[in-house]
Amino acid sequence: MNSPTPRGTAARAATNRRCAGCAAALALDNTSRLCNKCRRKNCDRLNAPPLPEHDFWSTAEFVDAFATQHIGKVVKVYRHHPLHLRVFGKALSQELLGRWLGIAQAQVSKLENGRPKQNLEALRAIAQKLHLPQHLLWFDLPEQSRLTPPPVRTTDDTAADVFGTMTIGDLGDVKCAASGYGEVPTCASLLANYEHLTDNYRQIDYQAGSQAIYADTVTHLRRLMAASDQVPSSLYARYVGLLGDTAQLATWLAIDRQDYTAARHLCSIALSSSVENEDLAMHSYVLGVMSYVHLHAKRGNEALRLLDSGLRIANTPRFGVSHAIRSWLYQASAEAYAFAGDMEAGAKALATAERLFDTVRVDDIPAWLGFYNTQDHANRLRGRGLLRLSDGRAAIATLENACESLPEHFVRERSGAMIDLSAAHLLSAGNAKPEPEAAAVTAQEAWRLAVMTRSKRNQYRVIELLPSFNPYAHLNAVQYLTSMIDTSV
């Protein structure tokens, strides 16, 4: 009789593996100690919610749920978290969650599907039992504050040279950066200097890109947080407004670096600040900023959920939200509808954005939306919307106008508009044929500006275009574009 092959021996050994709970034979593809039935039982036997790792809260579903300020939606996302599905083989049941929270299954169902709960003590009880992180909440837990900084990595070369790799919470330990600032009383002149600093970082970003000032902006944000207990009542609303502005600026910088985990955390600070300050204009805008995490991943429906929430606030007349913010939100909605495949709704959103922009008054635009106060910026975003809606001819005309009129110091925006223009030249719609040579020449300049500002996002977008140039590889302009990228990467 032939001896079994090694493979046969391994298979037989795998077949003999038994569940540690019920001794049933384990399936060949089951690498755990328990069968699926026992794993589910173990899930139901958990007496208390586990303490999750920090990245547990970093999913896109959690970002959307916390943005709604509906504790039931947060609870539902918690139950269906991928970690629970992976470990237990199913979502946590409403019965189990009810036992953890001390309520019946029917009450969990009502919590998830009913009106948002407003009772502060009930909200705190749920948050504490499920270990919901303070920095994502829209209310304060006992002896905690929404201004507590979440961990955010600063890993670019500039940051590493000065600080090494650290979290935003670690910046308090850096003597040269933020030590002692929380002990200095914040007077009007100091707060004004902080405001100027945020605006200076904004202007540097336009010209030099996010890599140049991301670490400094995060340090500045940490400095502001450390000063929270030293701000007098007369200045507090102004201080919280500055905190929100600095956090949303840092969010855009993180997005440009394609660090979307950091962007979500930074955005949560901006959102919490807008809630605390009752600044509905900032609140609606930050929801739009958060939608860009989804837009960059081409998740149209997910982006629309956030944009719809922002527009519900912005379109409420008694809130008096600037037409510039509303126009900007509709511009983003047009792009989101296009990614979701609803071109008709996208075209309507774009038309609404244009109509609102025509009524914008420069003196009615917040400082943090200052880039959206001239026609060239509106054309840049409108051109992107037309591109997403596959209206190539109209996109080219609009984007060419934007590229010609954008001030030279808006370097990153010019690069982005040129990438869109290059993509529009490659579109073929109706009788219009692609214009690959014009597309390649435009992409060359876009790449040069993206490298100059070290914009990871814009560099990635140019590289994304390369497959579209494959049919035109014989053209000198295309070959030169490819060599430029090969040399830089």
Protein backbone atom coordinates (compact mmCIF):
# COMPACT_ATOMS: atom_id res chain seq x y z
CA MET A 1 0.00 0.00 0.00
CA ASN A 2 1.41 3.38 -1.00
CA SER A 3 2.26 5.79 1.79
CA PRO A 4 0.21 8.99 1.79
CA THR A 5 1.67 12.01 0.05
CA PRO A 6 2.61 15.02 2.17
CA ARG A 7 -0.30 16.87 0.67
CA GLY A 8 -2.70 14.08 1.59
CA THR A 9 -1.31 13.98 5.12
CA ALA A 10 -1.81 17.73 5.54
CA ALA A 11 -5.36 17.50 4.25
CA ARG A 12 -6.15 14.61 6.63
CA ALA A 13 -4.66 16.56 9.55
CA ALA A 14 -6.75 19.59 8.64
CA THR A 15 -9.87 17.41 8.50
CA ASN A 16 -9.14 16.09 12.02
CA ARG A 17 -9.12 19.57 13.52
CA ARG A 18 -11.91 19.96 16.05
CA CYS A 19 -13.80 22.96 17.44
CA ALA A 20 -12.56 23.89 20.91
CA GLY A 21 -16.13 24.63 21.93
CA CYS A 22 -18.27 21.73 20.71
CA ALA A 23 -15.67 19.30 19.26
CA ALA A 24 -17.31 19.37 15.84
CA ALA A 25 -14.99 18.94 12.82
CA LEU A 26 -13.75 22.26 11.50
CA ALA A 27 -14.05 23.13 7.82
CA LEU A 28 -10.82 23.06 5.81
CA ASP A 29 -10.93 26.84 5.24
CA ASN A 30 -11.63 27.61 8.93
CA THR A 31 -8.33 28.71 10.49
CA SER A 32 -9.79 29.64 13.90
CA ARG A 33 -10.25 27.42 16.99
CA LEU A 34 -14.05 27.59 16.86
CA CYS A 35 -16.71 26.58 14.38
CA ASN A 36 -19.04 29.26 13.04
CA LYS A 37 -21.85 28.21 15.40
CA CYS A 38 -19.63 28.54 18.48
CA ARG A 39 -18.23 31.86 17.29
CA ARG A 40 -21.78 33.20 17.03
CA LYS A 41 -22.57 31.90 20.51
CA ASN A 42 -19.45 33.56 21.87
CA CYS A 43 -20.59 36.82 20.33
CA ASP A 44 -23.93 36.54 22.11
CA ARG A 45 -22.25 35.69 25.41
CA LEU A 46 -20.21 38.92 25.50
CA ASN A 47 -21.15 40.66 28.73
CA ALA A 48 -19.88 44.13 27.81
CA PRO A 49 -18.77 46.03 24.71
CA PRO A 50 -15.07 45.51 23.90
CA LEU A 51 -12.69 48.48 23.94
CA PRO A 52 -11.92 49.00 20.22
CA GLU A 53 -8.62 50.08 18.71
CA HIS A 54 -8.51 53.69 17.48
CA ASP A 55 -8.77 52.78 13.79
CA PHE A 56 -12.07 50.99 14.53
CA TRP A 57 -13.78 54.41 14.18
CA SER A 58 -12.08 55.41 10.91
CA THR A 59 -14.50 53.79 8.44
CA ALA A 60 -16.41 55.91 5.94
CA GLU A 61 -19.67 54.57 7.40
CA PHE A 62 -18.80 55.93 10.84
CA VAL A 63 -17.83 59.32 9.39
CA ASP A 64 -21.23 59.58 7.71
CA ALA A 65 -23.10 58.35 10.79
CA PHE A 66 -21.42 60.77 13.22
CA ALA A 67 -22.04 63.62 10.77
CA THR A 68 -25.82 63.06 11.02
CA GLN A 69 -25.71 63.62 14.81
CA HIS A 70 -28.17 60.72 15.13
CA ILE A 71 -27.02 58.30 17.85
CA GLY A 72 -29.18 55.53 16.40
CA LYS A 73 -27.35 55.65 13.07
CA VAL A 74 -24.03 55.47 14.94
CA VAL A 75 -25.28 52.44 16.90
CA LYS A 76 -26.40 50.70 13.71
CA VAL A 77 -23.02 51.22 12.03
CA TYR A 78 -21.37 49.97 15.23
CA ARG A 79 -23.41 46.75 15.12
CA HIS A 80 -22.53 46.11 11.47
CA HIS A 81 -18.84 46.99 11.73
CA PRO A 82 -16.61 44.81 9.48
CA LEU A 83 -14.60 43.73 12.54
CA HIS A 84 -17.69 42.14 14.10
CA LEU A 85 -18.54 40.42 10.83
CA ARG A 86 -14.99 39.09 10.56
CA VAL A 87 -14.67 37.91 14.19
CA PHE A 88 -18.18 36.68 14.90
CA GLY A 89 -19.44 35.82 11.43
CA LYS A 90 -22.43 38.17 11.69
CA ALA A 91 -23.44 41.63 12.84
CA LEU A 92 -24.04 42.18 16.55
CA SER A 93 -27.70 41.53 17.29
CA GLN A 94 -30.05 44.17 18.63
CA GLU A 95 -30.73 41.87 21.57
CA LEU A 96 -27.04 41.78 22.53
CA LEU A 97 -26.62 45.51 22.12
CA GLY A 98 -29.76 46.05 24.19
CA ARG A 99 -28.26 43.98 27.03
CA TRP A 100 -25.12 46.12 26.90
CA LEU A 101 -27.15 49.32 27.03
CA GLY A 102 -29.71 48.02 29.54
CA ILE A 103 -32.68 48.38 27.18
CA ALA A 104 -34.96 46.00 25.28
CA GLN A 105 -34.44 44.90 21.64
CA ALA A 106 -37.49 46.92 20.60
CA GLN A 107 -35.96 50.05 22.10
CA VAL A 108 -32.73 49.45 20.14
CA SER A 109 -34.80 49.19 16.96
CA LYS A 110 -36.61 52.44 17.80
CA LEU A 111 -33.26 54.07 18.61
CA GLU A 112 -31.84 53.11 15.21
CA ASN A 113 -34.88 53.92 13.09
CA GLY A 114 -36.68 56.65 15.01
CA ARG A 115 -36.12 60.36 15.53
CA PRO A 116 -32.71 61.48 16.84
CA LYS A 117 -32.43 61.22 20.62
CA GLN A 118 -31.93 64.63 22.26
CA ASN A 119 -31.64 63.76 25.96
CA LEU A 120 -28.05 64.56 26.92
CA GLU A 121 -27.83 62.02 29.77
CA ALA A 122 -29.10 59.23 27.50
CA LEU A 123 -26.63 60.21 24.78
CA ARG A 124 -23.77 60.21 27.26
CA ALA A 125 -24.77 56.82 28.67
CA ILE A 126 -24.78 55.21 25.22
CA ALA A 127 -21.48 56.85 24.24
CA GLN A 128 -19.71 55.79 27.42
CA LYS A 129 -20.95 52.19 27.29
CA LEU A 130 -19.89 51.75 23.65
CA HIS A 131 -16.62 53.69 24.16
CA LEU A 132 -17.53 56.20 21.44
CA PRO A 133 -14.56 58.61 21.03
CA GLN A 134 -15.14 62.14 22.29
CA HIS A 135 -13.61 63.88 19.27
CA LEU A 136 -16.28 62.40 16.96
CA LEU A 137 -19.26 63.31 19.15
CA TRP A 138 -21.46 66.41 18.89
CA PHE A 139 -21.85 66.63 22.69
CA ASP A 140 -19.38 66.59 25.58
CA LEU A 141 -18.85 63.59 27.82
CA PRO A 142 -18.32 64.21 31.57
CA GLU A 143 -14.89 65.74 32.22
CA GLN A 144 -14.06 65.63 28.50
CA SER A 145 -14.28 68.08 25.62
CA ARG A 146 -14.93 67.89 21.89
CA LEU A 147 -11.76 69.94 21.53
CA THR A 148 -9.64 66.98 22.65
CA PRO A 149 -7.31 66.35 19.70
CA PRO A 150 -7.60 63.02 17.85
CA PRO A 151 -4.46 61.23 16.65
CA VAL A 152 -3.35 62.52 13.25
CA ARG A 153 -0.10 61.50 11.57
CA THR A 154 2.30 64.02 10.08
CA THR A 155 4.65 61.90 8.01
CA ASP A 156 5.93 64.18 5.27
CA ASP A 157 9.65 64.92 5.04
CA THR A 158 9.29 68.41 6.49
CA ALA A 159 7.45 67.16 9.56
CA ALA A 160 9.91 64.31 10.05
CA ASP A 161 12.86 66.70 9.91
CA VAL A 162 11.46 68.83 12.74
CA PHE A 163 9.29 66.54 14.82
CA GLY A 164 9.81 62.95 13.69
CA THR A 165 6.67 60.86 13.15
CA MET A 166 4.07 61.76 15.77
CA THR A 167 0.39 62.21 16.43
CA ILE A 168 -1.29 65.54 16.95
CA GLY A 169 -1.65 64.64 20.61
CA ASP A 170 2.13 64.19 20.83
CA LEU A 171 2.77 67.77 19.70
CA GLY A 172 2.17 68.99 23.23
CA ASP A 173 5.43 67.27 24.19
CA VAL A 174 7.48 69.23 21.64
CA LYS A 175 8.98 72.11 23.58
CA CYS A 176 9.80 74.23 20.54
CA ALA A 177 6.35 73.86 19.04
CA ALA A 178 3.56 74.15 21.58
CA SER A 179 4.95 73.97 25.11
CA GLY A 180 3.48 76.45 27.52
CA TYR A 181 0.99 78.05 25.14
CA GLY A 182 -1.94 76.69 27.12
CA GLU A 183 -0.71 78.61 30.19
CA VAL A 184 -0.70 82.01 28.44
CA PRO A 185 -4.00 83.93 28.80
CA THR A 186 -5.48 84.58 25.38
CA CYS A 187 -6.08 88.30 24.87
CA ALA A 188 -7.61 89.97 21.81
CA SER A 189 -4.24 90.83 20.26
CA LEU A 190 -2.90 87.28 20.67
CA LEU A 191 -6.06 85.84 19.16
CA ALA A 192 -5.72 88.27 16.24
CA ASN A 193 -2.17 87.00 15.67
CA TYR A 194 -3.45 83.42 15.70
CA GLU A 195 -6.06 84.42 13.11
CA HIS A 196 -3.39 86.00 10.92
CA LEU A 197 -1.30 82.84 11.24
CA THR A 198 -4.15 80.64 10.00
CA ASP A 199 -4.74 82.98 7.08
CA ASN A 200 -1.02 83.05 6.27
CA TYR A 201 -0.95 79.25 6.14
CA ARG A 202 -3.93 79.41 3.80
CA GLN A 203 -2.11 81.78 1.45
CA ILE A 204 1.09 79.68 1.56
CA ASP A 205 -0.95 76.60 0.68
CA TYR A 206 -2.27 78.31 -2.46
CA GLN A 207 1.27 79.06 -3.63
CA ALA A 208 3.52 76.31 -2.23
CA GLY A 209 1.12 73.43 -1.59
CA SER A 210 0.09 71.38 1.43
CA GLN A 211 3.46 69.72 1.98
CA ALA A 212 5.03 73.08 2.81
CA ILE A 213 2.79 73.89 5.77
CA TYR A 214 0.86 70.77 6.85
CA ALA A 215 3.04 70.04 9.91
CA ASP A 216 3.00 73.73 10.91
CA THR A 217 -0.79 73.92 10.55
CA VAL A 218 -1.31 70.82 12.69
CA THR A 219 1.04 72.28 15.35
CA HIS A 220 -0.91 75.55 15.22
CA LEU A 221 -4.16 73.61 15.67
CA ARG A 222 -2.69 71.82 18.69
CA ARG A 223 -1.56 75.16 20.11
CA LEU A 224 -5.09 76.53 19.79
CA MET A 225 -6.53 73.47 21.51
CA ALA A 226 -4.07 73.79 24.37
CA ALA A 227 -5.22 77.40 24.90
CA SER A 228 -8.93 76.55 25.28
CA ASP A 229 -9.00 76.96 29.07
CA GLN A 230 -7.26 80.35 28.88
CA VAL A 231 -9.79 82.08 26.62
CA PRO A 232 -12.09 84.65 28.30
CA SER A 233 -15.83 84.49 27.68
CA SER A 234 -15.79 87.67 25.63
CA LEU A 235 -13.45 86.05 23.08
CA TYR A 236 -14.65 82.44 23.22
CA ALA A 237 -16.99 82.47 20.22
CA ARG A 238 -14.28 84.06 18.10
CA TYR A 239 -11.75 81.52 19.39
CA VAL A 240 -13.98 78.51 18.55
CA GLY A 241 -14.58 79.97 15.09
CA LEU A 242 -10.83 80.19 14.54
CA LEU A 243 -10.40 76.63 15.78
CA GLY A 244 -12.96 75.41 13.25
CA ASP A 245 -11.34 77.41 10.44
CA THR A 246 -7.87 76.04 11.26
CA ALA A 247 -9.21 72.47 11.45
CA GLN A 248 -11.00 72.70 8.10
CA LEU A 249 -7.82 74.14 6.53
CA ALA A 250 -5.81 71.22 7.95
CA THR A 251 -8.47 68.88 6.54
CA TRP A 252 -7.94 70.20 3.01
CA LEU A 253 -4.17 69.86 3.44
CA ALA A 254 -4.62 66.23 4.52
CA ILE A 255 -6.90 65.57 1.54
CA ASP A 256 -4.30 67.00 -0.83
CA ARG A 257 -1.78 64.62 0.73
CA GLN A 258 -4.31 61.81 0.22
CA ASP A 259 -4.22 61.10 3.96
CA TYR A 260 -7.95 60.50 4.25
CA THR A 261 -7.83 59.02 7.76
CA ALA A 262 -6.25 62.22 9.07
CA ALA A 263 -8.74 64.26 7.02
CA ARG A 264 -11.69 62.56 8.70
CA HIS A 265 -10.30 63.22 12.18
CA LEU A 266 -9.45 66.84 11.44
CA CYS A 267 -12.88 67.37 9.91
CA SER A 268 -14.48 66.08 13.11
CA ILE A 269 -12.76 68.90 15.03
CA ALA A 270 -14.10 71.47 12.55
CA LEU A 271 -17.59 69.96 12.78
CA SER A 272 -17.54 69.95 16.60
CA SER A 273 -16.36 73.56 16.63
CA SER A 274 -19.19 74.63 14.31
CA VAL A 275 -21.73 72.90 16.56
CA GLU A 276 -20.33 74.47 19.73
CA ASN A 277 -20.29 77.90 18.11
CA GLU A 278 -23.76 77.39 16.58
CA ASP A 279 -22.18 78.38 13.26
CA LEU A 280 -24.55 76.79 10.76
CA ALA A 281 -22.69 78.22 7.78
CA MET A 282 -19.47 76.50 8.85
CA HIS A 283 -21.42 73.34 9.76
CA SER A 284 -22.93 73.01 6.29
CA TYR A 285 -19.57 73.80 4.65
CA VAL A 286 -17.67 71.19 6.70
CA LEU A 287 -20.19 68.53 5.69
CA GLY A 288 -19.29 69.47 2.11
CA VAL A 289 -15.58 69.21 2.89
CA MET A 290 -16.17 65.72 4.31
CA SER A 291 -17.93 64.74 1.08
CA TYR A 292 -14.64 65.19 -0.82
CA VAL A 293 -13.23 62.10 0.89
CA HIS A 294 -15.94 60.19 -0.99
CA LEU A 295 -15.71 62.24 -4.19
CA HIS A 296 -12.02 61.44 -4.52
CA ALA A 297 -12.92 57.76 -4.21
CA LYS A 298 -15.75 58.29 -6.77
CA ARG A 299 -18.39 57.22 -4.23
CA GLY A 300 -21.20 59.46 -5.44
CA ASN A 301 -24.03 58.18 -3.24
CA GLU A 302 -21.95 58.43 -0.06
CA ALA A 303 -20.91 61.99 -0.96
CA LEU A 304 -24.51 62.93 -1.66
CA ARG A 305 -25.62 61.88 1.82
CA LEU A 306 -23.26 64.41 3.37
CA LEU A 307 -23.99 67.11 0.78
CA ASP A 308 -27.75 66.67 1.22
CA SER A 309 -27.30 67.16 4.97
CA GLY A 310 -25.27 70.29 4.32
CA LEU A 311 -27.82 71.66 1.86
CA ARG A 312 -30.73 71.03 4.26
CA ILE A 313 -29.01 73.42 6.66
CA ALA A 314 -27.80 75.90 4.04
CA ASN A 315 -31.16 76.12 2.25
CA THR A 316 -33.12 76.96 5.42
CA PRO A 317 -33.85 80.69 4.97
CA ARG A 318 -33.83 81.63 8.66
CA PHE A 319 -30.23 80.40 9.00
CA GLY A 320 -29.03 83.03 6.52
CA VAL A 321 -26.26 80.88 5.01
CA SER A 322 -24.27 82.71 2.31
CA HIS A 323 -25.20 82.04 -1.31
CA ALA A 324 -21.51 81.34 -1.94
CA ILE A 325 -21.63 78.33 0.42
CA ARG A 326 -24.86 77.09 -1.14
CA SER A 327 -23.41 77.49 -4.64
CA TRP A 328 -20.26 75.61 -3.63
CA LEU A 329 -22.32 72.75 -2.15
CA TYR A 330 -24.37 72.46 -5.35
CA GLN A 331 -21.15 72.41 -7.42
CA ALA A 332 -19.94 69.45 -5.36
CA SER A 333 -23.38 67.82 -5.64
CA ALA A 334 -23.20 67.97 -9.44
CA GLU A 335 -19.97 65.99 -9.32
CA ALA A 336 -21.46 63.52 -6.83
CA TYR A 337 -24.56 62.97 -8.98
CA ALA A 338 -22.32 62.28 -11.96
CA PHE A 339 -20.40 59.62 -10.03
CA ALA A 340 -23.75 58.15 -8.94
CA GLY A 341 -24.86 57.94 -12.59
CA ASP A 342 -27.66 60.53 -12.36
CA MET A 343 -26.61 62.98 -15.07
CA GLU A 344 -29.95 64.82 -15.13
CA ALA A 345 -29.80 65.61 -11.41
CA GLY A 346 -26.14 66.60 -11.85
CA ALA A 347 -27.01 69.09 -14.58
CA LYS A 348 -29.76 70.60 -12.39
CA ALA A 349 -27.37 70.94 -9.45
CA LEU A 350 -24.83 72.67 -11.69
CA ALA A 351 -27.47 75.09 -13.00
CA THR A 352 -28.54 75.88 -9.43
CA ALA A 353 -24.92 76.52 -8.44
CA GLU A 354 -24.52 79.00 -11.32
CA ARG A 355 -27.77 80.78 -10.49
CA LEU A 356 -26.76 81.16 -6.84
CA PHE A 357 -23.24 82.31 -7.71
CA ASP A 358 -24.68 85.18 -9.77
CA THR A 359 -26.20 86.55 -6.53
CA VAL A 360 -23.02 86.24 -4.41
CA ARG A 361 -21.81 89.40 -2.70
CA VAL A 362 -18.10 89.58 -1.89
CA ASP A 363 -18.81 91.09 1.55
CA ASP A 364 -21.00 88.09 2.42
CA ILE A 365 -18.34 85.40 1.97
CA PRO A 366 -16.58 83.90 5.02
CA ALA A 367 -12.78 84.16 5.03
CA TRP A 368 -12.45 80.38 4.84
CA LEU A 369 -14.38 80.38 1.53
CA GLY A 370 -12.46 83.33 0.10
CA PHE A 371 -11.23 81.24 -2.85
CA TYR A 372 -14.82 81.07 -4.12
CA ASN A 373 -15.44 84.77 -4.51
CA THR A 374 -14.48 85.31 -8.15
CA GLN A 375 -15.74 83.98 -11.46
CA ASP A 376 -12.49 82.19 -12.28
CA HIS A 377 -12.85 79.88 -9.28
CA ALA A 378 -16.51 79.31 -10.05
CA ASN A 379 -15.52 78.41 -13.63
CA ARG A 380 -12.89 76.00 -12.37
CA LEU A 381 -15.46 74.05 -10.33
CA ARG A 382 -18.17 74.36 -12.98
CA GLY A 383 -15.75 72.98 -15.58
CA ARG A 384 -15.05 69.98 -13.38
CA GLY A 385 -18.80 69.39 -13.03
CA LEU A 386 -19.27 69.56 -16.81
CA LEU A 387 -16.40 67.10 -17.24
CA ARG A 388 -18.01 64.63 -14.82
CA LEU A 389 -21.26 65.04 -16.74
CA SER A 390 -19.35 64.18 -19.98
CA ASP A 391 -20.09 67.53 -21.63
CA GLY A 392 -16.61 67.80 -23.15
CA ARG A 393 -17.07 70.87 -25.35
CA ALA A 394 -18.64 72.98 -22.62
CA ALA A 395 -16.04 71.74 -20.11
CA ILE A 396 -13.16 72.77 -22.41
CA ALA A 397 -14.53 76.27 -22.96
CA THR A 398 -15.17 76.79 -19.23
CA LEU A 399 -11.85 75.33 -18.07
CA GLU A 400 -9.81 77.26 -20.65
CA ASN A 401 -11.43 80.43 -19.34
CA ALA A 402 -10.59 79.40 -15.76
CA CYS A 403 -6.96 78.57 -16.57
CA GLU A 404 -6.46 81.92 -18.28
CA SER A 405 -8.04 83.97 -15.50
CA LEU A 406 -6.88 82.15 -12.34
CA PRO A 407 -4.28 84.33 -10.56
CA GLU A 408 -0.79 82.86 -10.75
CA HIS A 409 -0.47 82.49 -6.98
CA PHE A 410 -3.24 79.87 -6.96
CA VAL A 411 -0.74 77.29 -8.15
CA ARG A 412 -2.43 74.09 -6.95
CA GLU A 413 -5.83 75.22 -8.24
CA ARG A 414 -4.31 75.98 -11.65
CA SER A 415 -2.78 72.50 -11.73
CA GLY A 416 -6.14 70.93 -10.87
CA ALA A 417 -7.98 72.93 -13.52
CA MET A 418 -5.39 71.90 -16.14
CA ILE A 419 -5.82 68.23 -15.23
CA ASP A 420 -9.56 68.60 -15.78
CA LEU A 421 -8.93 70.43 -19.06
CA SER A 422 -6.60 67.66 -20.22
CA ALA A 423 -9.26 65.05 -19.42
CA ALA A 424 -11.87 67.09 -21.28
CA HIS A 425 -9.65 67.21 -24.40
CA LEU A 426 -9.58 63.40 -24.31
CA LEU A 427 -13.37 63.08 -24.28
CA SER A 428 -15.22 62.15 -27.46
CA ALA A 429 -18.89 63.11 -27.46
CA GLY A 430 -21.24 63.53 -30.41
CA ASN A 431 -19.33 64.84 -33.41
CA ALA A 432 -16.43 66.03 -31.26
CA LYS A 433 -13.23 64.04 -31.53
CA PRO A 434 -10.54 63.71 -28.84
CA GLU A 435 -7.69 66.21 -28.96
CA PRO A 436 -4.80 64.14 -27.58
CA GLU A 437 -2.01 66.59 -28.42
CA ALA A 438 -3.72 69.47 -26.63
CA ALA A 439 -4.49 67.11 -23.76
CA ALA A 440 -0.83 66.03 -23.46
CA VAL A 441 0.54 69.60 -23.57
CA THR A 442 -1.94 70.67 -20.88
CA ALA A 443 -1.10 67.64 -18.74
CA GLN A 444 2.61 68.49 -18.97
CA GLU A 445 2.02 71.88 -17.37
CA ALA A 446 -0.34 70.37 -14.80
CA TRP A 447 2.34 67.85 -13.84
CA ARG A 448 5.00 70.56 -13.54
CA LEU A 449 2.82 72.57 -11.13
CA ALA A 450 1.82 69.45 -9.17
CA VAL A 451 5.48 68.52 -8.66
CA MET A 452 6.35 72.11 -7.75
CA THR A 453 3.71 72.17 -4.98
CA ARG A 454 4.33 68.49 -4.07
CA SER A 455 0.58 67.86 -4.39
CA LYS A 456 0.17 64.09 -4.10
CA ARG A 457 -3.46 64.40 -5.13
CA ASN A 458 -2.75 66.26 -8.39
CA GLN A 459 0.21 64.03 -9.23
CA TYR A 460 -2.00 60.99 -8.75
CA ARG A 461 -4.68 62.51 -11.01
CA VAL A 462 -2.18 63.10 -13.85
CA ILE A 463 -0.90 59.53 -13.54
CA GLU A 464 -4.53 58.35 -13.66
CA LEU A 465 -4.84 59.97 -17.09
CA LEU A 466 -1.94 58.03 -18.63
CA PRO A 467 -3.95 54.95 -19.79
CA SER A 468 -6.18 57.30 -21.81
CA PHE A 469 -3.08 58.40 -23.75
CA ASN A 470 -2.13 54.84 -24.78
CA PRO A 471 -3.83 55.03 -28.22
CA TYR A 472 -1.77 58.16 -28.95
CA ALA A 473 1.64 56.91 -27.74
CA HIS A 474 3.18 57.78 -31.13
CA LEU A 475 2.69 61.53 -30.55
CA ASN A 476 5.74 63.48 -29.42
CA ALA A 477 3.73 65.41 -26.81
CA VAL A 478 2.50 62.16 -25.25
CA GLN A 479 6.00 60.69 -25.21
CA TYR A 480 7.35 63.82 -23.54
CA LEU A 481 4.58 63.71 -20.90
CA THR A 482 5.42 60.07 -20.14
CA SER A 483 9.13 60.82 -19.84
CA MET A 484 8.40 63.76 -17.49
CA ILE A 485 6.44 61.48 -15.16
CA ASP A 486 8.96 58.64 -15.40
CA THR A 487 11.75 61.03 -14.47
CA SER A 488 9.90 62.44 -11.45
CA VAL A 489 8.38 59.28 -9.99
